[in-house]
Amino acid sequence: MATPQVMVPCLAGSTCQLDWVAIAAIGGWFAALTTLLAILVALRTASKQIEVANRAVEAERAKALEIQEREWNAQAAANVQTAARLAHAFSRELRYAGRTLLSKIADWEPVPFRNASMEILESFAKVDHFPKLKIIDTFSGRLDGFADEDAFLLLSVLAAWNFYSASPGIPAEQLVYVGEETREKMARKRCEFGLRLHALIDQAIERLQPYFIGRAQDIYDVDIALSDAAVASIVRIREDMERHGVKI
């Protein structure tokens, strides 16, 4: 008779044998189960560590954003203060430039320009006969505190001023020999551009006032009124423009 193999200790002495293969298999399953449990514990621990790390990262990110926002707010406040000061300076410079512009345009009244003196012809043909807009030019790259449309307007004024200040492309000596009608047309075109530029300057001055109003009203200002003769000339030039269908 064959001796039975069992996986539990024999209770009847030598009548049975232990099944060591089966016992070894069970041991392997227990080892695998222990390993699986260890892996699950490790994964759970790692998940908690990742969660803690994520919370730490979010906290650092929130702190960094808060610091960045404070810096942005501080910079924005500084830009507003700088814009107020620059706007006041720009406004003054533009007022003086506008006065210079009108006084020069008055010398180029179209009809009298037909028989203008050599002095007037030289002023008409001169290069850089207007002073530079030095303040606006210097700070044209620091307009962060201004609204976009106001910054664009200031830069447009600067560009138009620089262009208008250049020579019309003909020397005074040649102006003497062109016909009177041609000189009148040239003067009319130059006056038209100048009056449009002056209107742009007035617009810029008006747009700048809200930046510094309430901060610098009491600062002394000089009298920049035009002479009566210049005022009368500007009036006649505007009337001449209207007769030729030009509205400014």
Protein backbone atom coordinates (compact mmCIF):
# COMPACT_ATOMS: atom_id res chain seq x y z
CA MET A 1 0.00 0.00 0.00
CA ALA A 2 1.29 3.46 -0.89
CA THR A 3 2.07 5.79 1.96
CA PRO A 4 -0.19 8.92 1.74
CA GLN A 5 1.49 12.36 1.46
CA VAL A 6 -0.03 15.15 3.54
CA MET A 7 0.75 18.82 4.04
CA VAL A 8 0.21 18.72 7.84
CA PRO A 9 2.29 16.87 10.38
CA CYS A 10 1.43 13.14 10.59
CA LEU A 11 -0.39 12.11 13.71
CA ALA A 12 0.05 8.39 13.11
CA GLY A 13 3.79 8.04 13.18
CA SER A 14 5.40 6.56 10.05
CA THR A 15 2.20 5.81 8.14
CA CYS A 16 2.35 9.15 6.17
CA GLN A 17 4.90 11.54 4.60
CA LEU A 18 4.96 15.35 4.39
CA ASP A 19 4.32 16.85 0.89
CA TRP A 20 7.28 19.23 0.83
CA VAL A 21 6.54 20.51 -2.70
CA ALA A 22 3.09 21.70 -1.68
CA ILE A 23 4.43 23.22 1.49
CA ALA A 24 7.11 25.03 -0.51
CA ALA A 25 4.44 26.34 -2.92
CA ILE A 26 2.40 27.72 -0.03
CA GLY A 27 5.54 29.37 1.33
CA GLY A 28 6.09 30.98 -2.06
CA TRP A 29 2.54 32.34 -2.09
CA PHE A 30 3.03 33.75 1.38
CA ALA A 31 6.30 35.36 0.27
CA ALA A 32 4.59 36.86 -2.79
CA LEU A 33 1.71 38.12 -0.65
CA THR A 34 4.17 39.69 1.77
CA THR A 35 6.00 41.37 -1.11
CA LEU A 36 2.70 42.66 -2.54
CA LEU A 37 1.72 44.07 0.83
CA ALA A 38 5.13 45.72 1.13
CA ILE A 39 4.69 47.26 -2.35
CA LEU A 40 1.21 48.52 -1.48
CA VAL A 41 2.52 50.06 1.72
CA ALA A 42 5.39 51.66 -0.21
CA LEU A 43 3.00 53.02 -2.85
CA ARG A 44 0.70 54.45 -0.21
CA THR A 45 3.67 56.03 1.55
CA ALA A 46 4.96 57.46 -1.76
CA SER A 47 1.47 58.79 -2.58
CA LYS A 48 1.33 60.61 0.73
CA GLN A 49 4.82 61.99 0.18
CA ILE A 50 3.82 63.22 -3.30
CA GLU A 51 0.69 64.79 -1.85
CA VAL A 52 2.75 66.55 0.82
CA ALA A 53 5.25 67.67 -1.82
CA ASN A 54 2.43 69.00 -4.05
CA ARG A 55 0.96 70.95 -1.15
CA ALA A 56 4.39 72.42 -0.46
CA VAL A 57 4.82 73.36 -4.14
CA GLU A 58 1.36 74.99 -4.23
CA ALA A 59 2.16 76.91 -1.06
CA GLU A 60 5.45 78.15 -2.54
CA ARG A 61 3.72 79.04 -5.79
CA ALA A 62 1.01 80.99 -3.97
CA LYS A 63 3.67 82.80 -1.95
CA ALA A 64 5.67 83.60 -5.09
CA LEU A 65 2.55 84.89 -6.85
CA GLU A 66 1.70 87.03 -3.85
CA ILE A 67 5.19 88.52 -3.82
CA GLN A 68 5.06 89.05 -7.60
CA GLU A 69 1.67 90.74 -7.32
CA ARG A 70 2.98 93.08 -4.62
CA GLU A 71 5.93 93.95 -6.86
CA TRP A 72 3.59 94.55 -9.81
CA ASN A 73 1.36 96.78 -7.70
CA ALA A 74 4.36 98.71 -6.41
CA GLN A 75 5.68 99.13 -9.96
CA ALA A 76 2.26 100.21 -11.19
CA ALA A 77 2.04 102.82 -8.42
CA ALA A 78 5.52 104.06 -9.31
CA ASN A 79 4.54 104.24 -12.99
CA VAL A 80 1.48 106.32 -12.12
CA GLN A 81 3.58 108.75 -10.11
CA THR A 82 6.19 108.98 -12.87
CA ALA A 83 3.46 109.50 -15.48
CA ALA A 84 2.01 112.39 -13.46
CA ARG A 85 5.36 114.17 -13.39
CA LEU A 86 6.16 113.48 -17.01
CA ALA A 87 2.67 114.50 -18.13
CA HIS A 88 3.13 117.90 -16.50
CA ALA A 89 6.52 118.37 -18.15
CA PHE A 90 5.22 117.14 -21.51
CA SER A 91 2.26 119.50 -21.30
CA ARG A 92 4.50 122.50 -20.66
CA GLU A 93 6.87 121.59 -23.45
CA LEU A 94 3.99 121.13 -25.89
CA ARG A 95 2.43 124.46 -24.94
CA TYR A 96 5.68 126.29 -25.64
CA ALA A 97 6.16 124.33 -28.86
CA GLY A 98 2.63 125.16 -29.98
CA ARG A 99 3.25 128.84 -29.46
CA THR A 100 6.49 128.66 -31.48
CA LEU A 101 4.69 126.74 -34.20
CA LEU A 102 1.89 129.30 -34.60
CA SER A 103 4.28 132.25 -34.63
CA LYS A 104 6.25 130.60 -37.43
CA ILE A 105 3.12 129.70 -39.41
CA ALA A 106 2.01 133.35 -39.15
CA ASP A 107 5.16 134.29 -41.10
CA TRP A 108 4.18 131.90 -43.89
CA GLU A 109 0.71 133.27 -44.60
CA PRO A 110 0.05 132.02 -48.16
CA VAL A 111 -1.00 135.20 -49.97
CA PRO A 112 1.75 137.48 -48.57
CA PHE A 113 4.23 134.64 -49.13
CA ARG A 114 3.96 135.31 -52.85
CA ASN A 115 6.20 138.35 -52.28
CA ALA A 116 7.96 137.25 -49.09
CA SER A 117 11.29 138.76 -48.10
CA MET A 118 14.49 136.74 -48.25
CA GLU A 119 14.41 136.51 -44.45
CA ILE A 120 10.99 134.82 -44.55
CA LEU A 121 12.07 132.56 -47.42
CA GLU A 122 15.14 131.50 -45.44
CA SER A 123 13.03 130.71 -42.38
CA PHE A 124 10.72 128.66 -44.60
CA ALA A 125 13.58 126.63 -46.09
CA LYS A 126 15.68 126.34 -42.94
CA VAL A 127 16.53 122.91 -41.53
CA ASP A 128 15.55 122.33 -37.90
CA HIS A 129 13.95 125.74 -37.53
CA PHE A 130 11.90 124.44 -34.56
CA PRO A 131 13.40 123.52 -31.19
CA LYS A 132 13.56 119.84 -30.37
CA LEU A 133 10.95 118.33 -28.08
CA LYS A 134 13.77 117.23 -25.80
CA ILE A 135 11.73 116.12 -22.79
CA ILE A 136 9.31 114.00 -24.80
CA ASP A 137 12.16 112.61 -26.90
CA THR A 138 14.25 111.75 -23.83
CA PHE A 139 11.42 109.99 -21.99
CA SER A 140 9.66 108.46 -25.00
CA GLY A 141 10.75 105.03 -23.76
CA ARG A 142 9.28 105.53 -20.28
CA LEU A 143 5.57 105.81 -21.01
CA ASP A 144 4.49 102.75 -19.00
CA GLY A 145 2.26 104.81 -16.73
CA PHE A 146 0.30 106.27 -19.65
CA ALA A 147 -2.73 104.76 -21.35
CA ASP A 148 -1.83 103.21 -24.70
CA GLU A 149 -3.79 105.76 -26.72
CA ASP A 150 -2.07 108.63 -24.90
CA ALA A 151 1.38 107.10 -25.40
CA PHE A 152 0.64 106.63 -29.10
CA LEU A 153 -0.56 110.24 -29.33
CA LEU A 154 2.62 111.58 -27.74
CA LEU A 155 4.80 109.54 -30.07
CA SER A 156 2.74 110.70 -33.05
CA VAL A 157 3.25 114.34 -32.02
CA LEU A 158 6.98 113.74 -31.66
CA ALA A 159 7.25 112.11 -35.09
CA ALA A 160 5.18 114.82 -36.80
CA TRP A 161 7.16 117.58 -35.07
CA ASN A 162 10.49 116.13 -36.20
CA PHE A 163 9.20 115.75 -39.75
CA TYR A 164 7.78 119.28 -39.89
CA SER A 165 10.98 120.75 -38.51
CA ALA A 166 12.94 119.38 -41.45
CA SER A 167 13.57 121.37 -44.60
CA PRO A 168 10.77 121.44 -47.20
CA GLY A 169 13.34 120.26 -49.71
CA ILE A 170 14.07 123.49 -51.53
CA PRO A 171 16.67 126.13 -50.58
CA ALA A 172 15.73 129.77 -50.16
CA GLU A 173 17.74 130.73 -53.24
CA GLN A 174 15.50 128.59 -55.44
CA LEU A 175 12.33 129.88 -53.79
CA VAL A 176 13.20 133.29 -55.19
CA TYR A 177 12.92 131.99 -58.74
CA VAL A 178 9.76 129.90 -58.52
CA GLY A 179 6.54 131.59 -59.56
CA GLU A 180 4.44 133.52 -57.06
CA GLU A 181 1.56 131.10 -57.44
CA THR A 182 3.86 128.17 -56.70
CA ARG A 183 5.20 129.90 -53.58
CA GLU A 184 1.66 130.54 -52.40
CA LYS A 185 0.71 126.88 -52.87
CA MET A 186 3.84 125.74 -51.05
CA ALA A 187 3.10 128.05 -48.15
CA ARG A 188 -0.52 126.91 -48.02
CA LYS A 189 0.51 123.26 -47.81
CA ARG A 190 3.08 124.04 -45.13
CA CYS A 191 0.56 126.05 -43.12
CA GLU A 192 -2.04 123.30 -43.43
CA PHE A 193 0.35 120.70 -42.06
CA GLY A 194 1.39 123.09 -39.29
CA LEU A 195 -2.17 123.81 -38.21
CA ARG A 196 -2.98 120.09 -38.17
CA LEU A 197 0.10 119.51 -36.05
CA HIS A 198 -0.99 122.29 -33.71
CA ALA A 199 -4.42 120.65 -33.38
CA LEU A 200 -2.66 117.38 -32.50
CA ILE A 201 -0.59 119.20 -29.90
CA ASP A 202 -3.72 120.72 -28.35
CA GLN A 203 -5.28 117.27 -28.21
CA ALA A 204 -2.21 115.86 -26.47
CA ILE A 205 -2.17 118.69 -23.92
CA GLU A 206 -5.81 118.05 -23.12
CA ARG A 207 -5.22 114.32 -22.72
CA LEU A 208 -2.26 114.92 -20.40
CA GLN A 209 -4.09 117.10 -17.89
CA PRO A 210 -5.89 114.28 -16.00
CA TYR A 211 -2.52 112.75 -15.14
CA PHE A 212 -1.34 115.70 -13.06
CA ILE A 213 -4.50 117.66 -12.27
CA GLY A 214 -4.66 118.39 -8.56
CA ARG A 215 -0.90 118.08 -8.16
CA ALA A 216 0.73 120.94 -10.04
CA GLN A 217 -1.78 123.72 -10.71
CA ASP A 218 0.00 126.30 -8.58
CA ILE A 219 3.32 126.10 -10.42
CA TYR A 220 4.23 129.40 -12.06
CA ASP A 221 3.60 129.62 -15.77
CA VAL A 222 4.98 132.15 -18.24
CA ASP A 223 2.90 134.19 -20.63
CA ILE A 224 3.10 132.63 -24.09
CA ALA A 225 0.37 134.60 -25.80
CA LEU A 226 0.91 135.44 -29.47
CA SER A 227 1.20 139.00 -30.67
CA ASP A 228 -1.93 140.62 -32.07
CA ALA A 229 -0.38 140.61 -35.53
CA ALA A 230 0.34 136.87 -35.33
CA VAL A 231 -3.17 136.11 -34.07
CA ALA A 232 -4.67 138.10 -36.95
CA SER A 233 -2.43 136.25 -39.41
CA ILE A 234 -3.50 132.85 -38.06
CA VAL A 235 -7.16 133.87 -38.41
CA ARG A 236 -6.59 134.85 -42.04
CA ILE A 237 -4.72 131.60 -42.72
CA ARG A 238 -7.65 129.56 -41.34
CA GLU A 239 -10.06 131.56 -43.48
CA ASP A 240 -7.84 130.96 -46.50
CA MET A 241 -7.87 127.22 -45.76
CA GLU A 242 -11.65 127.18 -45.61
CA ARG A 243 -11.92 128.99 -48.95
CA HIS A 244 -9.79 126.25 -50.45
CA GLY A 245 -11.93 123.52 -48.92
CA VAL A 246 -9.51 122.57 -46.15
CA LYS A 247 -11.04 121.95 -42.73
CA ILE A 248 -8.79 121.69 -39.70
